[in-house]
């Protein structure tokens, strides 16, 4: 049965408009994005099939172009449309941390960092550079590593912080495995970075590790 033949209260688009997007399942949200199903399968059926094939919504959204486009009901046009939606979401979060805005919410900061770093298939080390009132100067991805580790050079972070006239830094990196638990190497680089920045009177406020769940703060762990 086509979705248009479903009772109005069960159609994903109508439910979203009435109850909000939070009321929908992953499959229902994906079905709205897909718009149509395939022969003999509604958009919701197709969405469920795709989530099962890829292993979940995040895995589908982060799939490589070739794998994404080879799936039934998908293709280059859907891939381009999805990438545009994801980039709009990232830019929306970026607007919440515009240059000159003060960081007042740790949750907002972590949400921003998660949106920008979680999707990378390899480790990426980035920094938020702040002024002496903790207003955002710039966000930059500084180092990229293998899927296991990133080579982080504190000297380069210090040089960049000085060039931007930053008074404080929040460092962050992702764990592509999805497990945000900091490693001993993460703790060591945090201490090295903290000490290197301190030599030029710049504070390291935190080092946040991004995974699938809640980001982990090394400041809260007492490392910073």
N, C-alpha and C. Protein backbone atom coordinates (compact mmCIF):
# COMPACT_ATOMS: atom_id res chain seq x y z
N UNK A 1 0.84 -1.20 0.00
CA UNK A 1 0.00 0.00 0.00
C UNK A 1 0.87 1.24 0.00
N UNK A 2 0.57 2.20 -0.86
CA UNK A 2 1.31 3.45 -0.92
C UNK A 2 1.01 4.28 0.32
N UNK A 3 1.98 5.12 0.71
CA UNK A 3 1.80 5.96 1.90
C UNK A 3 0.60 6.89 1.74
N UNK A 4 0.32 7.31 0.52
CA UNK A 4 -0.82 8.20 0.28
C UNK A 4 -2.14 7.53 0.61
N UNK A 5 -2.14 6.19 0.65
CA UNK A 5 -3.37 5.46 1.00
C UNK A 5 -3.47 5.20 2.50
N UNK A 6 -2.44 5.56 3.27
CA UNK A 6 -2.49 5.37 4.71
C UNK A 6 -3.42 6.40 5.34
N UNK A 7 -3.95 6.10 6.52
CA UNK A 7 -4.71 7.13 7.27
C UNK A 7 -3.82 8.34 7.51
N UNK A 8 -4.39 9.53 7.45
CA UNK A 8 -3.60 10.76 7.55
C UNK A 8 -2.75 10.80 8.82
N UNK A 9 -3.27 10.26 9.92
CA UNK A 9 -2.55 10.29 11.19
C UNK A 9 -1.35 9.38 11.24
N UNK A 10 -1.19 8.52 10.22
CA UNK A 10 -0.07 7.59 10.19
C UNK A 10 0.98 7.97 9.16
N UNK A 11 0.69 8.95 8.31
CA UNK A 11 1.65 9.36 7.28
C UNK A 11 2.77 10.19 7.92
N UNK A 12 4.04 9.84 7.62
CA UNK A 12 5.15 10.54 8.26
C UNK A 12 5.12 12.06 8.09
N UNK A 13 4.86 12.53 6.87
CA UNK A 13 4.90 13.98 6.65
C UNK A 13 3.82 14.69 7.45
N UNK A 14 2.62 14.13 7.47
CA UNK A 14 1.52 14.75 8.22
C UNK A 14 1.80 14.71 9.72
N UNK A 15 2.38 13.60 10.20
CA UNK A 15 2.72 13.51 11.62
C UNK A 15 3.81 14.51 11.99
N UNK A 16 4.78 14.69 11.11
CA UNK A 16 5.83 15.67 11.38
C UNK A 16 5.24 17.07 11.50
N UNK A 17 4.34 17.42 10.60
CA UNK A 17 3.76 18.76 10.61
C UNK A 17 2.89 18.98 11.84
N UNK A 18 2.26 17.90 12.31
CA UNK A 18 1.36 18.03 13.45
C UNK A 18 2.09 17.92 14.78
N UNK A 19 3.05 16.97 14.86
CA UNK A 19 3.68 16.66 16.14
C UNK A 19 5.14 17.07 16.24
N UNK A 20 5.75 17.45 15.13
CA UNK A 20 7.16 17.82 15.13
C UNK A 20 8.05 16.67 14.71
N UNK A 21 9.26 16.96 14.23
CA UNK A 21 10.15 15.91 13.73
C UNK A 21 10.61 14.93 14.81
N UNK A 22 10.64 15.37 16.06
CA UNK A 22 11.08 14.48 17.13
C UNK A 22 10.15 13.31 17.36
N UNK A 23 8.95 13.39 16.84
CA UNK A 23 7.98 12.30 17.04
C UNK A 23 8.16 11.16 16.05
N UNK A 24 9.02 11.34 15.06
CA UNK A 24 9.18 10.34 14.01
C UNK A 24 10.38 9.43 14.28
N UNK A 25 10.27 8.22 13.80
CA UNK A 25 11.39 7.28 13.89
C UNK A 25 12.42 7.61 12.81
N UNK A 26 13.59 6.98 12.91
CA UNK A 26 14.62 7.17 11.89
C UNK A 26 14.08 6.80 10.51
N UNK A 27 13.36 5.68 10.44
CA UNK A 27 12.82 5.22 9.15
C UNK A 27 11.82 6.22 8.58
N UNK A 28 10.99 6.80 9.44
CA UNK A 28 10.00 7.77 8.97
C UNK A 28 10.66 9.06 8.48
N UNK A 29 11.69 9.53 9.20
CA UNK A 29 12.41 10.72 8.75
C UNK A 29 13.09 10.46 7.41
N UNK A 30 13.70 9.28 7.28
CA UNK A 30 14.36 8.94 6.03
C UNK A 30 13.36 8.81 4.90
N UNK A 31 12.18 8.29 5.19
CA UNK A 31 11.14 8.15 4.18
C UNK A 31 10.72 9.50 3.61
N UNK A 32 10.65 10.52 4.47
CA UNK A 32 10.31 11.88 4.00
C UNK A 32 11.40 12.38 3.07
N UNK A 33 12.66 12.09 3.40
CA UNK A 33 13.76 12.48 2.54
C UNK A 33 13.68 11.75 1.20
N UNK A 34 13.38 10.45 1.22
CA UNK A 34 13.33 9.65 -0.01
C UNK A 34 12.16 10.05 -0.90
N UNK A 35 11.03 10.41 -0.27
CA UNK A 35 9.79 10.86 -0.94
C UNK A 35 9.03 9.71 -1.60
N UNK A 36 9.71 8.83 -2.30
CA UNK A 36 9.03 7.72 -2.98
C UNK A 36 9.73 6.41 -2.68
N UNK A 37 8.98 5.32 -2.80
CA UNK A 37 9.56 4.01 -2.62
C UNK A 37 9.96 3.40 -3.95
N UNK A 38 9.99 2.08 -4.00
CA UNK A 38 10.27 1.36 -5.23
C UNK A 38 9.10 0.42 -5.48
N UNK A 39 9.11 -0.26 -6.60
CA UNK A 39 7.99 -1.14 -6.95
C UNK A 39 7.69 -2.13 -5.82
N UNK A 40 6.49 -2.06 -5.30
CA UNK A 40 6.05 -2.98 -4.27
C UNK A 40 6.49 -2.61 -2.87
N UNK A 41 7.21 -1.51 -2.70
CA UNK A 41 7.71 -1.09 -1.38
C UNK A 41 7.46 0.40 -1.21
N UNK A 42 6.82 0.76 -0.10
CA UNK A 42 6.59 2.17 0.19
C UNK A 42 7.90 2.84 0.59
N UNK A 43 7.88 4.16 0.70
CA UNK A 43 9.09 4.88 1.11
C UNK A 43 9.52 4.46 2.51
N UNK A 44 8.56 4.19 3.39
CA UNK A 44 8.91 3.75 4.75
C UNK A 44 9.53 2.35 4.70
N UNK A 45 8.96 1.46 3.87
CA UNK A 45 9.55 0.12 3.73
C UNK A 45 10.98 0.22 3.21
N UNK A 46 11.17 1.06 2.19
CA UNK A 46 12.50 1.23 1.62
C UNK A 46 13.45 1.79 2.66
N UNK A 47 12.99 2.76 3.44
CA UNK A 47 13.83 3.36 4.48
C UNK A 47 14.25 2.30 5.50
N UNK A 48 13.34 1.45 5.90
CA UNK A 48 13.68 0.38 6.86
C UNK A 48 14.71 -0.56 6.26
N UNK A 49 14.53 -0.89 4.97
CA UNK A 49 15.48 -1.77 4.29
C UNK A 49 16.88 -1.16 4.29
N UNK A 50 16.94 0.14 3.99
CA UNK A 50 18.22 0.83 3.89
C UNK A 50 18.90 0.91 5.26
N UNK A 51 18.13 1.21 6.30
CA UNK A 51 18.71 1.28 7.64
C UNK A 51 19.25 -0.08 8.06
N UNK A 52 18.54 -1.13 7.70
CA UNK A 52 19.02 -2.48 8.00
C UNK A 52 20.27 -2.82 7.23
N UNK A 53 20.31 -2.42 5.97
CA UNK A 53 21.47 -2.73 5.13
C UNK A 53 22.72 -2.01 5.60
N UNK A 54 22.58 -0.74 5.97
CA UNK A 54 23.75 0.05 6.36
C UNK A 54 24.07 -0.09 7.84
N UNK A 55 23.11 -0.52 8.64
CA UNK A 55 23.36 -0.71 10.07
C UNK A 55 22.89 0.44 10.94
N UNK A 56 22.20 1.41 10.36
CA UNK A 56 21.69 2.52 11.16
C UNK A 56 21.72 3.81 10.37
N UNK A 57 21.13 4.84 10.95
CA UNK A 57 21.01 6.12 10.26
C UNK A 57 22.37 6.79 10.07
N UNK A 58 23.20 6.80 11.12
CA UNK A 58 24.50 7.46 10.97
C UNK A 58 25.34 6.80 9.90
N UNK A 59 25.33 5.46 9.88
CA UNK A 59 26.12 4.74 8.88
C UNK A 59 25.64 5.05 7.47
N UNK A 60 24.33 5.20 7.30
CA UNK A 60 23.79 5.55 5.99
C UNK A 60 24.21 6.96 5.60
N UNK A 61 24.10 7.91 6.53
CA UNK A 61 24.42 9.30 6.23
C UNK A 61 25.91 9.49 5.93
N UNK A 62 26.75 8.62 6.49
CA UNK A 62 28.19 8.76 6.31
C UNK A 62 28.75 7.80 5.27
N UNK A 63 27.87 7.08 4.55
CA UNK A 63 28.31 6.10 3.58
C UNK A 63 29.06 6.77 2.43
N UNK A 64 30.03 6.06 1.87
CA UNK A 64 30.75 6.56 0.71
C UNK A 64 29.79 6.68 -0.48
N UNK A 65 30.12 7.56 -1.38
CA UNK A 65 29.23 7.83 -2.52
C UNK A 65 28.93 6.57 -3.32
N UNK A 66 29.95 5.76 -3.59
CA UNK A 66 29.74 4.56 -4.40
C UNK A 66 28.77 3.60 -3.72
N UNK A 67 28.96 3.36 -2.43
CA UNK A 67 28.09 2.46 -1.69
C UNK A 67 26.67 3.02 -1.61
N UNK A 68 26.56 4.31 -1.34
CA UNK A 68 25.25 4.96 -1.24
C UNK A 68 24.49 4.84 -2.56
N UNK A 69 25.14 5.17 -3.65
CA UNK A 69 24.46 5.22 -4.94
C UNK A 69 24.11 3.84 -5.50
N UNK A 70 24.76 2.80 -4.99
CA UNK A 70 24.48 1.45 -5.48
C UNK A 70 23.27 0.82 -4.81
N UNK A 71 22.70 1.51 -3.81
CA UNK A 71 21.57 0.96 -3.08
C UNK A 71 20.26 1.23 -3.81
N UNK A 72 19.30 0.31 -3.77
CA UNK A 72 18.01 0.50 -4.43
C UNK A 72 17.30 1.75 -3.92
N UNK A 73 16.78 2.53 -4.83
CA UNK A 73 16.04 3.73 -4.45
C UNK A 73 16.91 4.95 -4.24
N UNK A 74 18.24 4.76 -4.31
CA UNK A 74 19.15 5.88 -4.14
C UNK A 74 19.91 6.12 -5.45
N UNK A 75 20.75 7.11 -5.47
CA UNK A 75 21.51 7.43 -6.67
C UNK A 75 22.25 8.73 -6.49
N UNK A 76 22.86 9.21 -7.55
CA UNK A 76 23.68 10.41 -7.47
C UNK A 76 22.87 11.63 -7.04
N UNK A 77 21.64 11.74 -7.53
CA UNK A 77 20.82 12.90 -7.17
C UNK A 77 20.50 12.90 -5.68
N UNK A 78 20.14 11.73 -5.14
CA UNK A 78 19.85 11.63 -3.70
C UNK A 78 21.11 11.89 -2.88
N UNK A 79 22.25 11.40 -3.38
CA UNK A 79 23.51 11.61 -2.66
C UNK A 79 23.82 13.10 -2.58
N UNK A 80 23.68 13.80 -3.70
CA UNK A 80 23.94 15.24 -3.72
C UNK A 80 22.97 15.98 -2.80
N UNK A 81 21.71 15.55 -2.83
CA UNK A 81 20.70 16.19 -1.98
C UNK A 81 21.03 15.98 -0.51
N UNK A 82 21.45 14.76 -0.17
CA UNK A 82 21.79 14.46 1.23
C UNK A 82 23.00 15.26 1.69
N UNK A 83 24.03 15.34 0.85
CA UNK A 83 25.22 16.10 1.22
C UNK A 83 24.88 17.57 1.44
N UNK A 84 23.98 18.09 0.63
CA UNK A 84 23.56 19.48 0.80
C UNK A 84 22.85 19.67 2.13
N UNK A 85 21.97 18.73 2.49
CA UNK A 85 21.25 18.81 3.77
C UNK A 85 22.23 18.75 4.94
N UNK A 86 23.19 17.83 4.88
CA UNK A 86 24.16 17.70 5.96
C UNK A 86 25.01 18.95 6.10
N UNK A 87 25.41 19.52 4.97
CA UNK A 87 26.23 20.73 5.03
C UNK A 87 25.43 21.91 5.57
N UNK A 88 24.16 21.99 5.20
CA UNK A 88 23.31 23.05 5.76
C UNK A 88 23.20 22.91 7.28
N UNK A 89 23.09 21.67 7.75
CA UNK A 89 23.01 21.44 9.20
C UNK A 89 24.29 21.88 9.89
N UNK A 90 25.44 21.56 9.28
CA UNK A 90 26.71 21.97 9.88
C UNK A 90 26.84 23.50 9.89
N UNK A 91 26.42 24.13 8.81
CA UNK A 91 26.52 25.60 8.75
C UNK A 91 25.55 26.27 9.72
N UNK A 92 24.41 25.62 9.94
CA UNK A 92 23.47 26.15 10.92
C UNK A 92 24.11 26.16 12.30
N UNK A 93 24.79 25.07 12.65
CA UNK A 93 25.48 25.02 13.94
C UNK A 93 26.63 26.02 13.98
N UNK A 94 27.30 26.20 12.84
CA UNK A 94 28.40 27.17 12.80
C UNK A 94 27.88 28.57 13.09
N UNK A 95 26.68 28.88 12.58
CA UNK A 95 26.10 30.20 12.82
C UNK A 95 25.84 30.44 14.30
N UNK A 96 25.64 29.34 15.07
CA UNK A 96 25.41 29.49 16.50
C UNK A 96 26.70 29.85 17.23
N UNK A 97 27.83 29.60 16.59
CA UNK A 97 29.12 29.96 17.18
C UNK A 97 29.85 30.90 16.23
N UNK A 98 29.22 31.99 15.88
CA UNK A 98 29.80 32.96 14.97
C UNK A 98 30.98 33.67 15.62
N UNK A 99 31.84 34.19 14.78
CA UNK A 99 32.96 34.99 15.26
C UNK A 99 32.42 36.12 16.14
N UNK A 100 33.01 36.25 17.32
CA UNK A 100 32.59 37.31 18.23
C UNK A 100 31.58 36.87 19.27
N UNK A 101 31.00 35.68 19.09
CA UNK A 101 30.05 35.18 20.08
C UNK A 101 30.80 34.58 21.27
N UNK A 102 30.30 34.84 22.46
CA UNK A 102 30.90 34.26 23.66
C UNK A 102 30.37 32.85 23.87
N UNK A 103 31.25 31.96 24.31
CA UNK A 103 30.82 30.60 24.62
C UNK A 103 30.18 30.59 26.00
N UNK A 104 28.89 30.39 26.03
CA UNK A 104 28.18 30.39 27.31
C UNK A 104 27.59 29.04 27.64
N UNK A 105 27.54 28.14 26.68
CA UNK A 105 26.91 26.84 26.89
C UNK A 105 27.86 25.72 26.49
N UNK A 106 28.33 24.90 27.44
CA UNK A 106 29.17 23.75 27.08
C UNK A 106 28.45 22.79 26.14
N UNK A 107 27.14 22.64 26.31
CA UNK A 107 26.39 21.72 25.46
C UNK A 107 26.37 22.20 24.01
N UNK A 108 26.22 23.50 23.83
CA UNK A 108 26.23 24.06 22.48
C UNK A 108 27.59 23.85 21.83
N UNK A 109 28.64 24.06 22.60
CA UNK A 109 29.99 23.87 22.08
C UNK A 109 30.22 22.42 21.68
N UNK A 110 29.79 21.50 22.51
CA UNK A 110 29.98 20.07 22.21
C UNK A 110 29.14 19.64 21.01
N UNK A 111 27.94 20.19 20.91
CA UNK A 111 27.09 19.86 19.76
C UNK A 111 27.74 20.35 18.46
N UNK A 112 28.32 21.54 18.51
CA UNK A 112 29.01 22.09 17.36
C UNK A 112 30.19 21.20 16.97
N UNK A 113 31.01 20.84 17.93
CA UNK A 113 32.19 20.03 17.65
C UNK A 113 31.80 18.64 17.14
N UNK A 114 30.75 18.08 17.71
CA UNK A 114 30.30 16.75 17.26
C UNK A 114 29.83 16.80 15.81
N UNK A 115 29.08 17.85 15.45
CA UNK A 115 28.58 17.98 14.09
C UNK A 115 29.71 18.12 13.09
N UNK A 116 30.80 18.76 13.49
CA UNK A 116 31.89 19.01 12.56
C UNK A 116 32.92 17.89 12.50
N UNK A 117 32.98 17.06 13.53
CA UNK A 117 34.05 16.07 13.57
C UNK A 117 33.58 14.62 13.49
N UNK A 118 32.35 14.32 13.90
CA UNK A 118 31.94 12.93 14.02
C UNK A 118 31.93 12.20 12.69
N UNK A 119 31.65 12.88 11.58
CA UNK A 119 31.46 12.19 10.30
C UNK A 119 32.76 11.79 9.62
N UNK A 120 33.90 12.28 10.11
CA UNK A 120 35.17 11.96 9.45
C UNK A 120 35.52 10.48 9.64
N UNK A 121 35.96 9.80 8.57
CA UNK A 121 36.34 8.39 8.70
C UNK A 121 37.73 8.20 9.28
N UNK A 122 38.45 9.29 9.51
CA UNK A 122 39.79 9.24 10.08
C UNK A 122 39.85 10.26 11.22
N UNK A 123 40.89 10.19 12.03
CA UNK A 123 41.00 11.13 13.14
C UNK A 123 41.33 12.52 12.63
N UNK A 124 40.62 13.50 13.19
CA UNK A 124 40.86 14.91 12.87
C UNK A 124 40.99 15.66 14.20
N UNK A 125 42.05 16.45 14.32
CA UNK A 125 42.27 17.26 15.51
C UNK A 125 41.98 18.71 15.14
N UNK A 126 41.12 19.36 15.94
CA UNK A 126 40.70 20.72 15.63
C UNK A 126 40.75 21.59 16.87
N UNK A 127 40.69 22.90 16.66
CA UNK A 127 40.71 23.83 17.80
C UNK A 127 39.71 24.95 17.58
N UNK A 128 39.06 25.33 18.67
CA UNK A 128 38.32 26.58 18.74
C UNK A 128 39.23 27.60 19.41
N UNK A 129 39.54 28.67 18.70
CA UNK A 129 40.39 29.73 19.24
C UNK A 129 39.50 30.85 19.78
N UNK A 130 39.77 31.28 21.01
CA UNK A 130 38.91 32.24 21.71
C UNK A 130 39.72 33.44 22.18
N UNK A 131 39.02 34.58 22.36
CA UNK A 131 39.70 35.75 22.92
C UNK A 131 39.61 35.72 24.44
N UNK A 132 40.02 36.80 25.09
CA UNK A 132 40.06 36.78 26.56
C UNK A 132 38.69 36.84 27.21
N UNK A 133 37.63 37.04 26.43
CA UNK A 133 36.27 36.97 26.94
C UNK A 133 35.57 35.68 26.48
N UNK A 134 36.37 34.77 25.97
CA UNK A 134 35.88 33.47 25.48
C UNK A 134 34.92 33.65 24.31
N UNK A 135 35.17 34.68 23.51
CA UNK A 135 34.42 34.86 22.27
C UNK A 135 35.16 34.14 21.16
N UNK A 136 34.40 33.58 20.24
CA UNK A 136 34.99 32.77 19.17
C UNK A 136 35.77 33.64 18.20
N UNK A 137 37.01 33.27 17.95
CA UNK A 137 37.80 33.89 16.90
C UNK A 137 37.71 33.04 15.63
N UNK A 138 37.98 31.75 15.79
CA UNK A 138 37.93 30.87 14.62
C UNK A 138 37.93 29.41 15.06
N UNK A 139 37.33 28.57 14.21
CA UNK A 139 37.41 27.12 14.36
C UNK A 139 38.24 26.59 13.20
N UNK A 140 39.22 25.76 13.51
CA UNK A 140 40.07 25.22 12.45
C UNK A 140 40.39 23.75 12.69
N UNK A 141 40.35 22.96 11.61
CA UNK A 141 40.85 21.60 11.64
C UNK A 141 42.34 21.67 11.31
N UNK A 142 43.17 21.19 12.23
CA UNK A 142 44.61 21.40 12.12
C UNK A 142 45.39 20.17 11.68
N UNK A 143 44.99 19.00 12.16
CA UNK A 143 45.76 17.80 11.85
C UNK A 143 44.81 16.67 11.48
N UNK A 144 45.24 15.87 10.52
CA UNK A 144 44.50 14.67 10.14
C UNK A 144 45.43 13.49 10.23
N UNK A 145 44.91 12.38 10.75
CA UNK A 145 45.75 11.21 10.94
C UNK A 145 45.15 9.99 10.30
N UNK A 146 45.64 8.84 10.71
CA UNK A 146 45.09 7.58 10.25
C UNK A 146 43.80 7.31 11.03
N UNK A 147 43.21 6.16 10.80
CA UNK A 147 41.98 5.82 11.52
C UNK A 147 42.30 5.55 13.00
N UNK A 148 43.57 5.36 13.33
CA UNK A 148 43.94 5.04 14.71
C UNK A 148 44.48 6.24 15.49
N UNK A 149 45.14 7.14 14.86
CA UNK A 149 45.78 8.22 15.62
C UNK A 149 46.04 9.42 14.73
N UNK A 150 46.15 10.56 15.34
CA UNK A 150 46.52 11.78 14.62
C UNK A 150 47.82 12.30 15.20
N UNK A 151 48.70 12.78 14.34
CA UNK A 151 49.95 13.38 14.81
C UNK A 151 49.68 14.84 15.13
N UNK A 152 49.70 15.16 16.40
CA UNK A 152 49.39 16.51 16.86
C UNK A 152 50.68 17.17 17.33
N UNK A 153 50.98 18.33 16.80
CA UNK A 153 52.20 19.04 17.13
C UNK A 153 51.85 20.30 17.93
N UNK A 154 52.05 20.29 19.25
CA UNK A 154 51.70 21.44 20.08
C UNK A 154 52.32 22.75 19.58
N UNK A 155 53.52 22.68 19.03
CA UNK A 155 54.17 23.89 18.53
C UNK A 155 53.32 24.58 17.46
N UNK A 156 52.72 23.78 16.58
CA UNK A 156 51.90 24.35 15.51
C UNK A 156 50.62 24.96 16.06
N UNK A 157 50.05 24.35 17.10
CA UNK A 157 48.86 24.91 17.74
C UNK A 157 49.19 26.25 18.37
N UNK A 158 50.35 26.32 19.04
CA UNK A 158 50.77 27.57 19.67
C UNK A 158 50.98 28.65 18.62
N UNK A 159 51.63 28.31 17.52
CA UNK A 159 51.86 29.28 16.44
C UNK A 159 50.54 29.82 15.90
N UNK A 160 49.57 28.93 15.73
CA UNK A 160 48.29 29.37 15.18
C UNK A 160 47.55 30.24 16.18
N UNK A 161 47.60 29.86 17.46
CA UNK A 161 46.94 30.65 18.50
C UNK A 161 47.54 32.05 18.59
N UNK A 162 48.86 32.15 18.48
CA UNK A 162 49.51 33.46 18.52
C UNK A 162 49.15 34.29 17.28
N UNK A 163 49.08 33.64 16.13
CA UNK A 163 48.74 34.36 14.90
C UNK A 163 47.33 34.93 14.96
N UNK A 164 46.44 34.24 15.65
CA UNK A 164 45.06 34.69 15.77
C UNK A 164 44.83 35.56 17.00
N UNK A 165 45.91 35.77 17.77
CA UNK A 165 45.83 36.56 19.00
C UNK A 165 44.82 35.95 19.97
N UNK A 166 44.83 34.65 20.08
CA UNK A 166 43.90 33.94 20.97
C UNK A 166 44.40 33.97 22.40
N UNK A 167 43.46 34.01 23.32
CA UNK A 167 43.78 33.96 24.74
C UNK A 167 43.47 32.60 25.34
N UNK A 168 42.67 31.82 24.62
CA UNK A 168 42.27 30.50 25.12
C UNK A 168 41.97 29.58 23.94
N UNK A 169 42.04 28.29 24.20
CA UNK A 169 41.84 27.29 23.15
C UNK A 169 41.00 26.15 23.72
N UNK A 170 40.07 25.65 22.91
CA UNK A 170 39.39 24.38 23.19
C UNK A 170 39.80 23.43 22.07
N UNK A 171 40.47 22.35 22.43
CA UNK A 171 40.89 21.35 21.46
C UNK A 171 39.84 20.25 21.38
N UNK A 172 39.81 19.58 20.25
CA UNK A 172 38.86 18.47 20.08
C UNK A 172 39.38 17.53 19.01
N UNK A 173 39.06 16.27 19.14
CA UNK A 173 39.33 15.33 18.05
C UNK A 173 38.30 14.20 18.12
N UNK A 174 38.15 13.51 17.02
CA UNK A 174 37.17 12.44 16.93
C UNK A 174 37.83 11.07 17.03
N UNK A 175 37.04 10.10 17.48
CA UNK A 175 37.43 8.70 17.43
C UNK A 175 36.54 8.02 16.40
N UNK A 176 37.05 7.70 15.22
CA UNK A 176 36.21 7.08 14.17
C UNK A 176 35.56 5.77 14.61
N UNK A 177 36.13 5.11 15.60
CA UNK A 177 35.55 3.87 16.10
C UNK A 177 34.20 4.11 16.76
N UNK A 178 33.95 5.37 17.17
CA UNK A 178 32.70 5.69 17.85
C UNK A 178 32.82 5.67 19.36
N UNK A 179 33.92 5.12 19.88
CA UNK A 179 34.13 5.04 21.32
C UNK A 179 34.89 6.29 21.76
N UNK A 180 34.25 7.13 22.55
CA UNK A 180 34.84 8.42 22.91
C UNK A 180 35.78 8.35 24.10
N UNK A 181 35.94 7.20 24.71
CA UNK A 181 36.82 7.10 25.88
C UNK A 181 38.24 7.52 25.52
N UNK A 182 38.80 8.52 26.21
CA UNK A 182 40.15 8.99 25.89
C UNK A 182 41.20 7.91 26.15
N UNK A 183 42.19 7.87 25.29
CA UNK A 183 43.30 6.94 25.47
C UNK A 183 44.40 7.61 26.29
N UNK A 184 45.39 6.84 26.68
CA UNK A 184 46.55 7.43 27.38
C UNK A 184 47.26 8.42 26.48
N UNK A 185 47.30 8.13 25.17
CA UNK A 185 47.92 9.05 24.22
C UNK A 185 47.16 10.37 24.18
N UNK A 186 45.82 10.31 24.27
CA UNK A 186 45.01 11.53 24.31
C UNK A 186 45.35 12.36 25.54
N UNK A 187 45.52 11.70 26.66
CA UNK A 187 45.85 12.41 27.89
C UNK A 187 47.24 13.03 27.81
N UNK A 188 48.19 12.29 27.22
CA UNK A 188 49.55 12.82 27.11
C UNK A 188 49.60 14.06 26.22
N UNK A 189 48.92 14.01 25.07
CA UNK A 189 48.96 15.16 24.17
C UNK A 189 48.24 16.35 24.80
N UNK A 190 47.23 16.08 25.61
CA UNK A 190 46.52 17.17 26.30
C UNK A 190 47.45 17.90 27.25
N UNK A 191 48.22 17.14 28.01
CA UNK A 191 49.17 17.74 28.96
C UNK A 191 50.25 18.52 28.20
N UNK A 192 50.77 17.95 27.13
CA UNK A 192 51.80 18.63 26.33
C UNK A 192 51.25 19.92 25.74
N UNK A 193 50.03 19.87 25.24
CA UNK A 193 49.41 21.04 24.63
C UNK A 193 49.14 22.11 25.69
N UNK A 194 48.63 21.68 26.83
CA UNK A 194 48.36 22.62 27.93
C UNK A 194 49.63 23.34 28.35
N UNK A 195 50.72 22.58 28.51
CA UNK A 195 51.98 23.17 28.96
C UNK A 195 52.59 24.08 27.90
N UNK A 196 52.49 23.69 26.63
CA UNK A 196 53.04 24.52 25.56
C UNK A 196 52.30 25.84 25.44
N UNK A 197 51.00 25.82 25.55
CA UNK A 197 50.21 27.04 25.48
C UNK A 197 50.46 27.93 26.70
N UNK A 198 50.65 27.31 27.84
CA UNK A 198 50.87 28.08 29.07
C UNK A 198 52.15 28.90 29.00
N UNK A 199 53.13 28.43 28.24
CA UNK A 199 54.39 29.15 28.11
C UNK A 199 54.20 30.53 27.47
N UNK A 200 53.11 30.68 26.69
CA UNK A 200 52.84 31.98 26.05
C UNK A 200 51.55 32.57 26.61
N UNK A 201 51.18 32.16 27.81
CA UNK A 201 50.03 32.72 28.53
C UNK A 201 48.70 32.51 27.79
N UNK A 202 48.56 31.37 27.17
CA UNK A 202 47.30 30.99 26.53
C UNK A 202 46.75 29.77 27.28
N UNK A 203 45.47 29.81 27.64
CA UNK A 203 44.87 28.73 28.42
C UNK A 203 44.26 27.66 27.51
N UNK A 204 44.52 26.43 27.84
CA UNK A 204 43.78 25.33 27.23
C UNK A 204 42.58 25.06 28.13
N UNK A 205 41.38 25.39 27.65
CA UNK A 205 40.19 25.25 28.48
C UNK A 205 39.70 23.81 28.54
N UNK A 206 39.88 23.08 27.45
CA UNK A 206 39.37 21.71 27.43
C UNK A 206 39.93 20.99 26.21
N UNK A 207 39.88 19.68 26.25
CA UNK A 207 40.15 18.82 25.11
C UNK A 207 39.00 17.82 25.08
N UNK A 208 38.20 17.88 24.03
CA UNK A 208 36.96 17.11 23.96
C UNK A 208 37.11 16.00 22.92
N UNK A 209 36.75 14.80 23.32
CA UNK A 209 36.83 13.64 22.43
C UNK A 209 35.42 13.32 21.93
N UNK A 210 35.31 13.21 20.60
CA UNK A 210 34.01 13.02 19.95
C UNK A 210 33.86 11.57 19.51
N UNK A 211 32.75 10.95 19.91
CA UNK A 211 32.42 9.60 19.45
C UNK A 211 30.95 9.52 19.08
N UNK A 212 30.37 8.34 19.20
CA UNK A 212 28.97 8.17 18.85
C UNK A 212 28.03 8.75 19.90
N UNK A 213 28.39 8.63 21.14
CA UNK A 213 27.52 9.09 22.22
C UNK A 213 27.89 10.49 22.66
N UNK A 214 27.80 10.72 23.96
CA UNK A 214 28.14 12.03 24.50
C UNK A 214 29.65 12.27 24.39
N UNK A 215 30.06 13.46 23.96
CA UNK A 215 31.48 13.78 23.94
C UNK A 215 32.07 13.72 25.35
N UNK A 216 33.35 13.40 25.42
CA UNK A 216 34.04 13.28 26.71
C UNK A 216 34.97 14.47 26.88
N UNK A 217 34.88 15.13 28.03
CA UNK A 217 35.71 16.29 28.35
C UNK A 217 36.89 15.85 29.21
N UNK A 218 38.10 16.13 28.72
CA UNK A 218 39.29 15.81 29.52
C UNK A 218 39.47 16.80 30.65
N UNK A 219 38.87 17.98 30.53
CA UNK A 219 38.87 18.92 31.67
C UNK A 219 38.07 18.35 32.82
N UNK A 220 36.93 17.75 32.49
CA UNK A 220 36.09 17.15 33.53
C UNK A 220 36.77 15.93 34.14
N UNK A 221 37.67 15.31 33.39
CA UNK A 221 38.43 14.17 33.91
C UNK A 221 39.63 14.62 34.74
N UNK A 222 39.86 15.95 34.81
CA UNK A 222 40.94 16.46 35.60
C UNK A 222 42.29 16.49 34.91
N UNK A 223 42.32 16.27 33.59
CA UNK A 223 43.57 16.25 32.86
C UNK A 223 44.06 17.66 32.53
N UNK A 224 43.11 18.54 32.22
CA UNK A 224 43.46 19.93 31.89
C UNK A 224 43.60 20.73 33.17
